[in-house]
Amino acid sequence: MQRRDFLLHGCQACAAMIVLPAIASMESCSGVKSLSYDPPTGSSTINVPVSVFATGNSAVIVSKAVPDRIWLTKLGDGSYRAMQLRCTHKGGPLHEEAGAMVCEWHKSHFNNAGQPTSGPAKVALMAYPVKVEGDQLLIELG
């Protein structure tokens, strides 16, 4: 192998080590859709179209109106639940794993209703009220 080829392949390998994790981190919560919605000026309600559930039962909402991401899920009875993605044990970040949310710090697990199912957390995730109006879900932030 010539020096030029060695350097070229070495640079490609280094670039792959940097780019691939960056691309993987762009979609939070391992396959759960991450969407950005903000309430209209002067409002504390986020409107999310019901159509976000066309391909799955959960979505992560990012909004400038709240400090943490919101986990929006469709429950088995057809109702919807919006919960703050912050562990109730020590405030750790949560990620999706097999249809549940798992704390990255101490491995508490929460079901899609926000109830703790294992780990040190004993309190449910903080929930936001959700109303259905036509084809919109209205998440009341405060």
N, C-alpha and C. Protein backbone atom coordinates (compact mmCIF):
# COMPACT_ATOMS: atom_id res chain seq x y z
N MET A 1 0.84 -1.17 0.00
CA MET A 1 0.00 0.00 0.00
C MET A 1 0.90 1.24 0.00
N GLN A 2 0.56 2.16 -0.84
CA GLN A 2 1.34 3.39 -0.92
C GLN A 2 0.91 4.35 0.19
N ARG A 3 1.80 5.25 0.51
CA ARG A 3 1.55 6.22 1.58
C ARG A 3 0.28 7.01 1.32
N ARG A 4 0.07 7.42 0.09
CA ARG A 4 -1.12 8.19 -0.28
C ARG A 4 -2.39 7.40 0.02
N ASP A 5 -2.44 6.13 -0.36
CA ASP A 5 -3.61 5.28 -0.11
C ASP A 5 -3.82 5.08 1.39
N PHE A 6 -2.73 4.90 2.12
CA PHE A 6 -2.81 4.72 3.57
C PHE A 6 -3.45 5.94 4.22
N LEU A 7 -2.98 7.13 3.84
CA LEU A 7 -3.52 8.36 4.41
C LEU A 7 -4.99 8.55 4.03
N LEU A 8 -5.32 8.26 2.78
CA LEU A 8 -6.69 8.41 2.32
C LEU A 8 -7.62 7.50 3.11
N HIS A 9 -7.27 6.23 3.26
CA HIS A 9 -8.12 5.28 3.99
C HIS A 9 -8.16 5.63 5.48
N GLY A 10 -7.05 6.09 6.01
CA GLY A 10 -7.02 6.50 7.42
C GLY A 10 -7.94 7.68 7.67
N CYS A 11 -7.93 8.65 6.78
CA CYS A 11 -8.81 9.82 6.93
C CYS A 11 -10.27 9.42 6.79
N GLN A 12 -10.57 8.51 5.88
CA GLN A 12 -11.95 8.05 5.73
C GLN A 12 -12.42 7.34 6.99
N ALA A 13 -11.57 6.53 7.58
CA ALA A 13 -11.94 5.83 8.81
C ALA A 13 -12.18 6.81 9.95
N CYS A 14 -11.32 7.81 10.08
CA CYS A 14 -11.51 8.84 11.13
C CYS A 14 -12.80 9.60 10.92
N ALA A 15 -13.08 9.97 9.69
CA ALA A 15 -14.31 10.71 9.39
C ALA A 15 -15.53 9.87 9.73
N ALA A 16 -15.49 8.58 9.43
CA ALA A 16 -16.61 7.69 9.74
C ALA A 16 -16.83 7.60 11.25
N MET A 17 -15.74 7.58 12.01
CA MET A 17 -15.86 7.49 13.47
C MET A 17 -16.49 8.76 14.05
N ILE A 18 -16.35 9.88 13.37
CA ILE A 18 -16.94 11.13 13.84
C ILE A 18 -18.36 11.30 13.33
N VAL A 19 -18.59 11.01 12.06
CA VAL A 19 -19.88 11.29 11.43
C VAL A 19 -20.96 10.30 11.84
N LEU A 20 -20.65 9.02 11.90
CA LEU A 20 -21.70 8.03 12.19
C LEU A 20 -22.34 8.23 13.56
N PRO A 21 -21.60 8.42 14.64
CA PRO A 21 -22.28 8.69 15.92
C PRO A 21 -23.09 9.98 15.90
N ALA A 22 -22.60 10.99 15.18
CA ALA A 22 -23.34 12.25 15.09
C ALA A 22 -24.68 12.04 14.39
N ILE A 23 -24.69 11.27 13.33
CA ILE A 23 -25.93 10.98 12.63
C ILE A 23 -26.86 10.17 13.53
N ALA A 24 -26.32 9.18 14.22
CA ALA A 24 -27.14 8.35 15.11
C ALA A 24 -27.77 9.17 16.22
N SER A 25 -27.08 10.19 16.71
CA SER A 25 -27.61 10.98 17.81
C SER A 25 -28.65 12.00 17.35
N MET A 26 -28.79 12.22 16.06
CA MET A 26 -29.75 13.21 15.58
C MET A 26 -31.18 12.81 15.88
N GLU A 27 -31.50 11.56 15.90
CA GLU A 27 -32.84 11.10 16.22
C GLU A 27 -32.83 10.56 17.63
N SER A 28 -33.39 11.33 18.55
CA SER A 28 -33.38 10.92 19.95
C SER A 28 -34.35 9.77 20.18
N CYS A 29 -34.15 9.10 21.27
CA CYS A 29 -35.05 8.05 21.75
C CYS A 29 -35.13 6.86 20.82
N SER A 30 -34.08 6.48 20.19
CA SER A 30 -33.96 5.23 19.46
C SER A 30 -35.15 4.89 18.58
N GLY A 31 -35.43 5.70 17.62
CA GLY A 31 -36.48 5.36 16.68
C GLY A 31 -37.81 6.04 16.97
N VAL A 32 -38.00 6.61 18.13
CA VAL A 32 -39.21 7.36 18.43
C VAL A 32 -39.07 8.70 17.73
N LYS A 33 -40.11 9.11 17.00
CA LYS A 33 -40.06 10.37 16.27
C LYS A 33 -39.83 11.53 17.22
N SER A 34 -38.94 12.43 16.86
CA SER A 34 -38.70 13.64 17.63
C SER A 34 -39.20 14.82 16.82
N LEU A 35 -40.16 15.56 17.37
CA LEU A 35 -40.81 16.65 16.66
C LEU A 35 -40.72 17.93 17.46
N SER A 36 -40.66 19.05 16.77
CA SER A 36 -40.56 20.34 17.45
C SER A 36 -41.86 21.12 17.28
N TYR A 37 -42.47 21.49 18.41
CA TYR A 37 -43.69 22.29 18.41
C TYR A 37 -43.57 23.32 19.52
N ASP A 38 -44.01 24.52 19.26
CA ASP A 38 -44.04 25.57 20.26
C ASP A 38 -45.44 26.15 20.32
N PRO A 39 -45.86 26.58 21.52
CA PRO A 39 -47.18 27.21 21.61
C PRO A 39 -47.17 28.56 20.92
N PRO A 40 -48.34 28.98 20.43
CA PRO A 40 -48.42 30.32 19.85
C PRO A 40 -48.08 31.37 20.92
N THR A 41 -47.65 32.53 20.51
CA THR A 41 -47.31 33.61 21.44
C THR A 41 -48.48 33.88 22.38
N GLY A 42 -48.16 33.93 23.68
CA GLY A 42 -49.17 34.21 24.69
C GLY A 42 -49.97 32.99 25.13
N SER A 43 -49.66 31.81 24.59
CA SER A 43 -50.38 30.59 24.94
C SER A 43 -49.45 29.63 25.66
N SER A 44 -50.03 28.72 26.42
CA SER A 44 -49.23 27.68 27.07
C SER A 44 -49.68 26.30 26.59
N THR A 45 -50.27 26.26 25.40
CA THR A 45 -50.77 25.00 24.84
C THR A 45 -50.04 24.68 23.54
N ILE A 46 -49.53 23.46 23.45
CA ILE A 46 -48.91 22.98 22.22
C ILE A 46 -49.95 22.18 21.44
N ASN A 47 -50.12 22.48 20.17
CA ASN A 47 -51.01 21.73 19.31
C ASN A 47 -50.18 20.75 18.48
N VAL A 48 -50.52 19.46 18.59
CA VAL A 48 -49.82 18.42 17.85
C VAL A 48 -50.86 17.66 17.02
N PRO A 49 -50.63 17.49 15.72
CA PRO A 49 -51.60 16.74 14.92
C PRO A 49 -51.63 15.27 15.33
N VAL A 50 -52.82 14.69 15.38
CA VAL A 50 -52.99 13.27 15.72
C VAL A 50 -52.24 12.40 14.71
N SER A 51 -52.02 12.91 13.53
CA SER A 51 -51.34 12.16 12.47
C SER A 51 -49.91 11.76 12.83
N VAL A 52 -49.32 12.34 13.90
CA VAL A 52 -47.97 11.92 14.29
C VAL A 52 -47.96 10.45 14.72
N PHE A 53 -49.14 9.90 15.01
CA PHE A 53 -49.23 8.50 15.42
C PHE A 53 -49.57 7.56 14.26
N ALA A 54 -49.44 8.04 13.04
CA ALA A 54 -49.75 7.20 11.87
C ALA A 54 -48.82 6.00 11.77
N THR A 55 -47.58 6.12 12.27
CA THR A 55 -46.62 5.03 12.13
C THR A 55 -46.11 4.49 13.46
N GLY A 56 -46.69 4.90 14.57
CA GLY A 56 -46.23 4.41 15.86
C GLY A 56 -47.10 4.94 16.99
N ASN A 57 -46.80 4.50 18.21
CA ASN A 57 -47.60 4.89 19.37
C ASN A 57 -46.93 5.91 20.27
N SER A 58 -45.81 6.47 19.85
CA SER A 58 -45.18 7.49 20.68
C SER A 58 -44.36 8.45 19.84
N ALA A 59 -44.18 9.63 20.41
CA ALA A 59 -43.38 10.67 19.77
C ALA A 59 -42.74 11.50 20.88
N VAL A 60 -41.62 12.09 20.59
CA VAL A 60 -40.95 12.99 21.52
C VAL A 60 -41.14 14.40 21.00
N ILE A 61 -41.68 15.26 21.87
CA ILE A 61 -41.93 16.65 21.51
C ILE A 61 -40.86 17.53 22.14
N VAL A 62 -40.27 18.37 21.34
CA VAL A 62 -39.28 19.34 21.80
C VAL A 62 -39.93 20.72 21.68
N SER A 63 -39.88 21.49 22.76
CA SER A 63 -40.48 22.81 22.74
C SER A 63 -39.63 23.78 23.54
N LYS A 64 -39.53 25.00 23.05
CA LYS A 64 -38.81 26.05 23.77
C LYS A 64 -39.57 26.45 25.03
N ALA A 65 -40.84 26.07 25.15
CA ALA A 65 -41.68 26.49 26.27
C ALA A 65 -41.41 25.69 27.54
N VAL A 66 -40.74 24.54 27.43
CA VAL A 66 -40.43 23.72 28.60
C VAL A 66 -38.97 23.27 28.54
N PRO A 67 -38.34 23.08 29.72
CA PRO A 67 -36.92 22.73 29.71
C PRO A 67 -36.61 21.30 29.26
N ASP A 68 -37.57 20.39 29.42
CA ASP A 68 -37.33 18.99 29.07
C ASP A 68 -38.19 18.56 27.89
N ARG A 69 -37.73 17.53 27.22
CA ARG A 69 -38.53 16.95 26.14
C ARG A 69 -39.81 16.35 26.73
N ILE A 70 -40.82 16.18 25.88
CA ILE A 70 -42.10 15.60 26.30
C ILE A 70 -42.30 14.31 25.55
N TRP A 71 -42.64 13.25 26.29
CA TRP A 71 -42.94 11.94 25.69
C TRP A 71 -44.45 11.87 25.51
N LEU A 72 -44.92 11.86 24.29
CA LEU A 72 -46.34 11.79 23.96
C LEU A 72 -46.65 10.38 23.49
N THR A 73 -47.58 9.70 24.18
CA THR A 73 -47.91 8.32 23.82
C THR A 73 -49.41 8.16 23.63
N LYS A 74 -49.74 7.20 22.79
CA LYS A 74 -51.13 6.78 22.61
C LYS A 74 -51.29 5.49 23.41
N LEU A 75 -52.19 5.52 24.37
CA LEU A 75 -52.41 4.35 25.23
C LEU A 75 -53.35 3.36 24.56
N GLY A 76 -53.40 2.15 25.10
CA GLY A 76 -54.21 1.08 24.53
C GLY A 76 -55.69 1.40 24.45
N ASP A 77 -56.18 2.26 25.35
CA ASP A 77 -57.61 2.60 25.34
C ASP A 77 -57.93 3.74 24.37
N GLY A 78 -56.93 4.20 23.60
CA GLY A 78 -57.14 5.27 22.63
C GLY A 78 -56.91 6.66 23.18
N SER A 79 -56.62 6.77 24.47
CA SER A 79 -56.33 8.08 25.04
C SER A 79 -54.85 8.42 24.83
N TYR A 80 -54.50 9.65 25.14
CA TYR A 80 -53.13 10.12 24.93
C TYR A 80 -52.56 10.62 26.26
N ARG A 81 -51.26 10.50 26.40
CA ARG A 81 -50.60 10.95 27.62
C ARG A 81 -49.31 11.67 27.23
N ALA A 82 -49.07 12.82 27.87
CA ALA A 82 -47.85 13.60 27.64
C ALA A 82 -47.10 13.68 28.96
N MET A 83 -45.81 13.31 28.94
CA MET A 83 -45.03 13.26 30.17
C MET A 83 -43.66 13.90 29.98
N GLN A 84 -43.18 14.47 31.06
CA GLN A 84 -41.86 15.10 31.06
C GLN A 84 -40.79 14.00 31.03
N LEU A 85 -39.82 14.13 30.13
CA LEU A 85 -38.75 13.15 30.02
C LEU A 85 -37.60 13.47 30.97
N ARG A 86 -37.88 13.35 32.26
CA ARG A 86 -36.88 13.53 33.31
C ARG A 86 -37.22 12.52 34.40
N CYS A 87 -36.26 11.70 34.76
CA CYS A 87 -36.48 10.68 35.78
C CYS A 87 -36.87 11.31 37.11
N THR A 88 -37.85 10.72 37.78
CA THR A 88 -38.33 11.25 39.06
C THR A 88 -37.45 10.82 40.22
N HIS A 89 -36.44 9.99 39.97
CA HIS A 89 -35.54 9.56 41.04
C HIS A 89 -34.49 10.62 41.33
N LYS A 90 -33.64 10.91 40.35
CA LYS A 90 -32.57 11.90 40.52
C LYS A 90 -32.48 12.88 39.35
N GLY A 91 -33.52 12.91 38.51
CA GLY A 91 -33.53 13.88 37.41
C GLY A 91 -32.73 13.49 36.19
N GLY A 92 -32.42 12.21 36.04
CA GLY A 92 -31.62 11.76 34.91
C GLY A 92 -32.40 11.79 33.60
N PRO A 93 -31.67 11.82 32.49
CA PRO A 93 -32.32 11.79 31.17
C PRO A 93 -32.88 10.40 30.87
N LEU A 94 -33.96 10.37 30.10
CA LEU A 94 -34.61 9.11 29.75
C LEU A 94 -34.45 8.85 28.25
N HIS A 95 -34.41 7.57 27.89
CA HIS A 95 -34.39 7.19 26.48
C HIS A 95 -35.34 6.02 26.30
N GLU A 96 -35.82 5.85 25.06
CA GLU A 96 -36.76 4.77 24.74
C GLU A 96 -36.03 3.46 24.60
N GLU A 97 -36.63 2.43 25.16
CA GLU A 97 -36.07 1.09 25.05
C GLU A 97 -37.22 0.10 25.10
N ALA A 98 -37.51 -0.54 23.99
CA ALA A 98 -38.56 -1.57 23.90
C ALA A 98 -39.91 -1.06 24.39
N GLY A 99 -40.32 0.13 23.96
CA GLY A 99 -41.63 0.66 24.29
C GLY A 99 -41.75 1.27 25.67
N ALA A 100 -40.66 1.39 26.40
CA ALA A 100 -40.66 2.01 27.72
C ALA A 100 -39.58 3.08 27.74
N MET A 101 -39.60 3.90 28.78
CA MET A 101 -38.54 4.88 28.97
C MET A 101 -37.64 4.41 30.09
N VAL A 102 -36.32 4.53 29.88
CA VAL A 102 -35.32 4.04 30.82
C VAL A 102 -34.40 5.20 31.19
N CYS A 103 -34.14 5.35 32.49
CA CYS A 103 -33.23 6.38 32.96
C CYS A 103 -31.79 5.96 32.63
N GLU A 104 -31.05 6.87 32.06
CA GLU A 104 -29.68 6.58 31.68
C GLU A 104 -28.74 6.52 32.88
N TRP A 105 -29.13 7.11 34.00
CA TRP A 105 -28.26 7.14 35.17
C TRP A 105 -28.40 5.90 36.05
N HIS A 106 -29.64 5.58 36.46
CA HIS A 106 -29.83 4.51 37.45
C HIS A 106 -30.77 3.39 36.97
N LYS A 107 -31.13 3.43 35.68
CA LYS A 107 -31.88 2.35 35.02
C LYS A 107 -33.31 2.17 35.52
N SER A 108 -33.94 3.21 36.05
CA SER A 108 -35.37 3.12 36.34
C SER A 108 -36.11 2.97 35.03
N HIS A 109 -37.15 2.14 35.03
CA HIS A 109 -37.98 1.93 33.85
C HIS A 109 -39.36 2.52 34.10
N PHE A 110 -39.95 3.14 33.06
CA PHE A 110 -41.29 3.70 33.14
C PHE A 110 -42.10 3.15 31.97
N ASN A 111 -43.34 2.73 32.23
CA ASN A 111 -44.20 2.22 31.15
C ASN A 111 -44.77 3.39 30.35
N ASN A 112 -45.58 3.08 29.32
CA ASN A 112 -46.06 4.15 28.45
C ASN A 112 -47.11 5.03 29.12
N ALA A 113 -47.53 4.70 30.34
CA ALA A 113 -48.40 5.57 31.12
C ALA A 113 -47.58 6.42 32.09
N GLY A 114 -46.24 6.25 32.09
CA GLY A 114 -45.37 7.04 32.94
C GLY A 114 -45.15 6.48 34.33
N GLN A 115 -45.69 5.29 34.60
CA GLN A 115 -45.54 4.67 35.91
C GLN A 115 -44.21 3.93 36.00
N PRO A 116 -43.52 4.04 37.15
CA PRO A 116 -42.26 3.30 37.29
C PRO A 116 -42.54 1.81 37.41
N THR A 117 -41.77 1.02 36.68
CA THR A 117 -41.96 -0.45 36.72
C THR A 117 -40.77 -1.17 37.34
N SER A 118 -39.61 -0.52 37.37
CA SER A 118 -38.44 -1.10 38.04
C SER A 118 -37.42 0.00 38.27
N GLY A 119 -36.46 -0.31 39.15
CA GLY A 119 -35.40 0.65 39.45
C GLY A 119 -35.72 1.46 40.69
N PRO A 120 -34.87 2.42 40.98
CA PRO A 120 -35.05 3.20 42.21
C PRO A 120 -36.21 4.20 42.17
N ALA A 121 -36.68 4.60 40.98
CA ALA A 121 -37.78 5.59 40.92
C ALA A 121 -39.06 4.98 41.47
N LYS A 122 -39.76 5.75 42.28
CA LYS A 122 -41.03 5.30 42.89
C LYS A 122 -42.20 6.18 42.49
N VAL A 123 -41.92 7.31 41.84
CA VAL A 123 -42.95 8.28 41.48
C VAL A 123 -43.10 8.31 39.96
N ALA A 124 -44.35 8.44 39.50
CA ALA A 124 -44.63 8.51 38.06
C ALA A 124 -44.03 9.77 37.44
N LEU A 125 -43.81 9.72 36.14
CA LEU A 125 -43.33 10.90 35.41
C LEU A 125 -44.36 12.02 35.50
N MET A 126 -43.88 13.26 35.54
CA MET A 126 -44.79 14.40 35.56
C MET A 126 -45.58 14.43 34.26
N ALA A 127 -46.89 14.54 34.37
CA ALA A 127 -47.76 14.50 33.19
C ALA A 127 -48.33 15.89 32.89
N TYR A 128 -48.57 16.12 31.61
CA TYR A 128 -49.26 17.32 31.15
C TYR A 128 -50.64 16.89 30.65
N PRO A 129 -51.68 17.66 30.94
CA PRO A 129 -53.01 17.32 30.43
C PRO A 129 -53.04 17.36 28.90
N VAL A 130 -53.74 16.38 28.31
CA VAL A 130 -53.89 16.30 26.85
C VAL A 130 -55.37 16.24 26.52
N LYS A 131 -55.82 17.13 25.63
CA LYS A 131 -57.19 17.10 25.13
C LYS A 131 -57.15 16.85 23.64
N VAL A 132 -58.19 16.16 23.15
CA VAL A 132 -58.32 15.94 21.72
C VAL A 132 -59.39 16.88 21.20
N GLU A 133 -59.04 17.68 20.21
CA GLU A 133 -59.99 18.56 19.54
C GLU A 133 -59.84 18.35 18.04
N GLY A 134 -60.79 17.64 17.47
CA GLY A 134 -60.73 17.33 16.05
C GLY A 134 -59.53 16.47 15.75
N ASP A 135 -58.66 16.94 14.86
CA ASP A 135 -57.46 16.18 14.50
C ASP A 135 -56.22 16.70 15.21
N GLN A 136 -56.42 17.42 16.32
CA GLN A 136 -55.31 18.00 17.07
C GLN A 136 -55.30 17.48 18.50
N LEU A 137 -54.09 17.28 19.03
CA LEU A 137 -53.89 17.00 20.45
C LEU A 137 -53.41 18.29 21.07
N LEU A 138 -54.05 18.73 22.13
CA LEU A 138 -53.67 19.96 22.81
C LEU A 138 -52.99 19.60 24.12
N ILE A 139 -51.70 19.91 24.23
CA ILE A 139 -50.93 19.63 25.43
C ILE A 139 -50.83 20.92 26.23
N GLU A 140 -51.43 20.93 27.42
CA GLU A 140 -51.43 22.11 28.27
C GLU A 140 -50.17 22.10 29.14
N LEU A 141 -49.31 23.08 28.95
CA LEU A 141 -48.01 23.12 29.63
C LEU A 141 -48.06 23.83 30.98
N GLY A 142 -49.08 24.58 31.24
CA GLY A 142 -49.07 25.26 32.53
C GLY A 142 -50.20 26.11 32.73
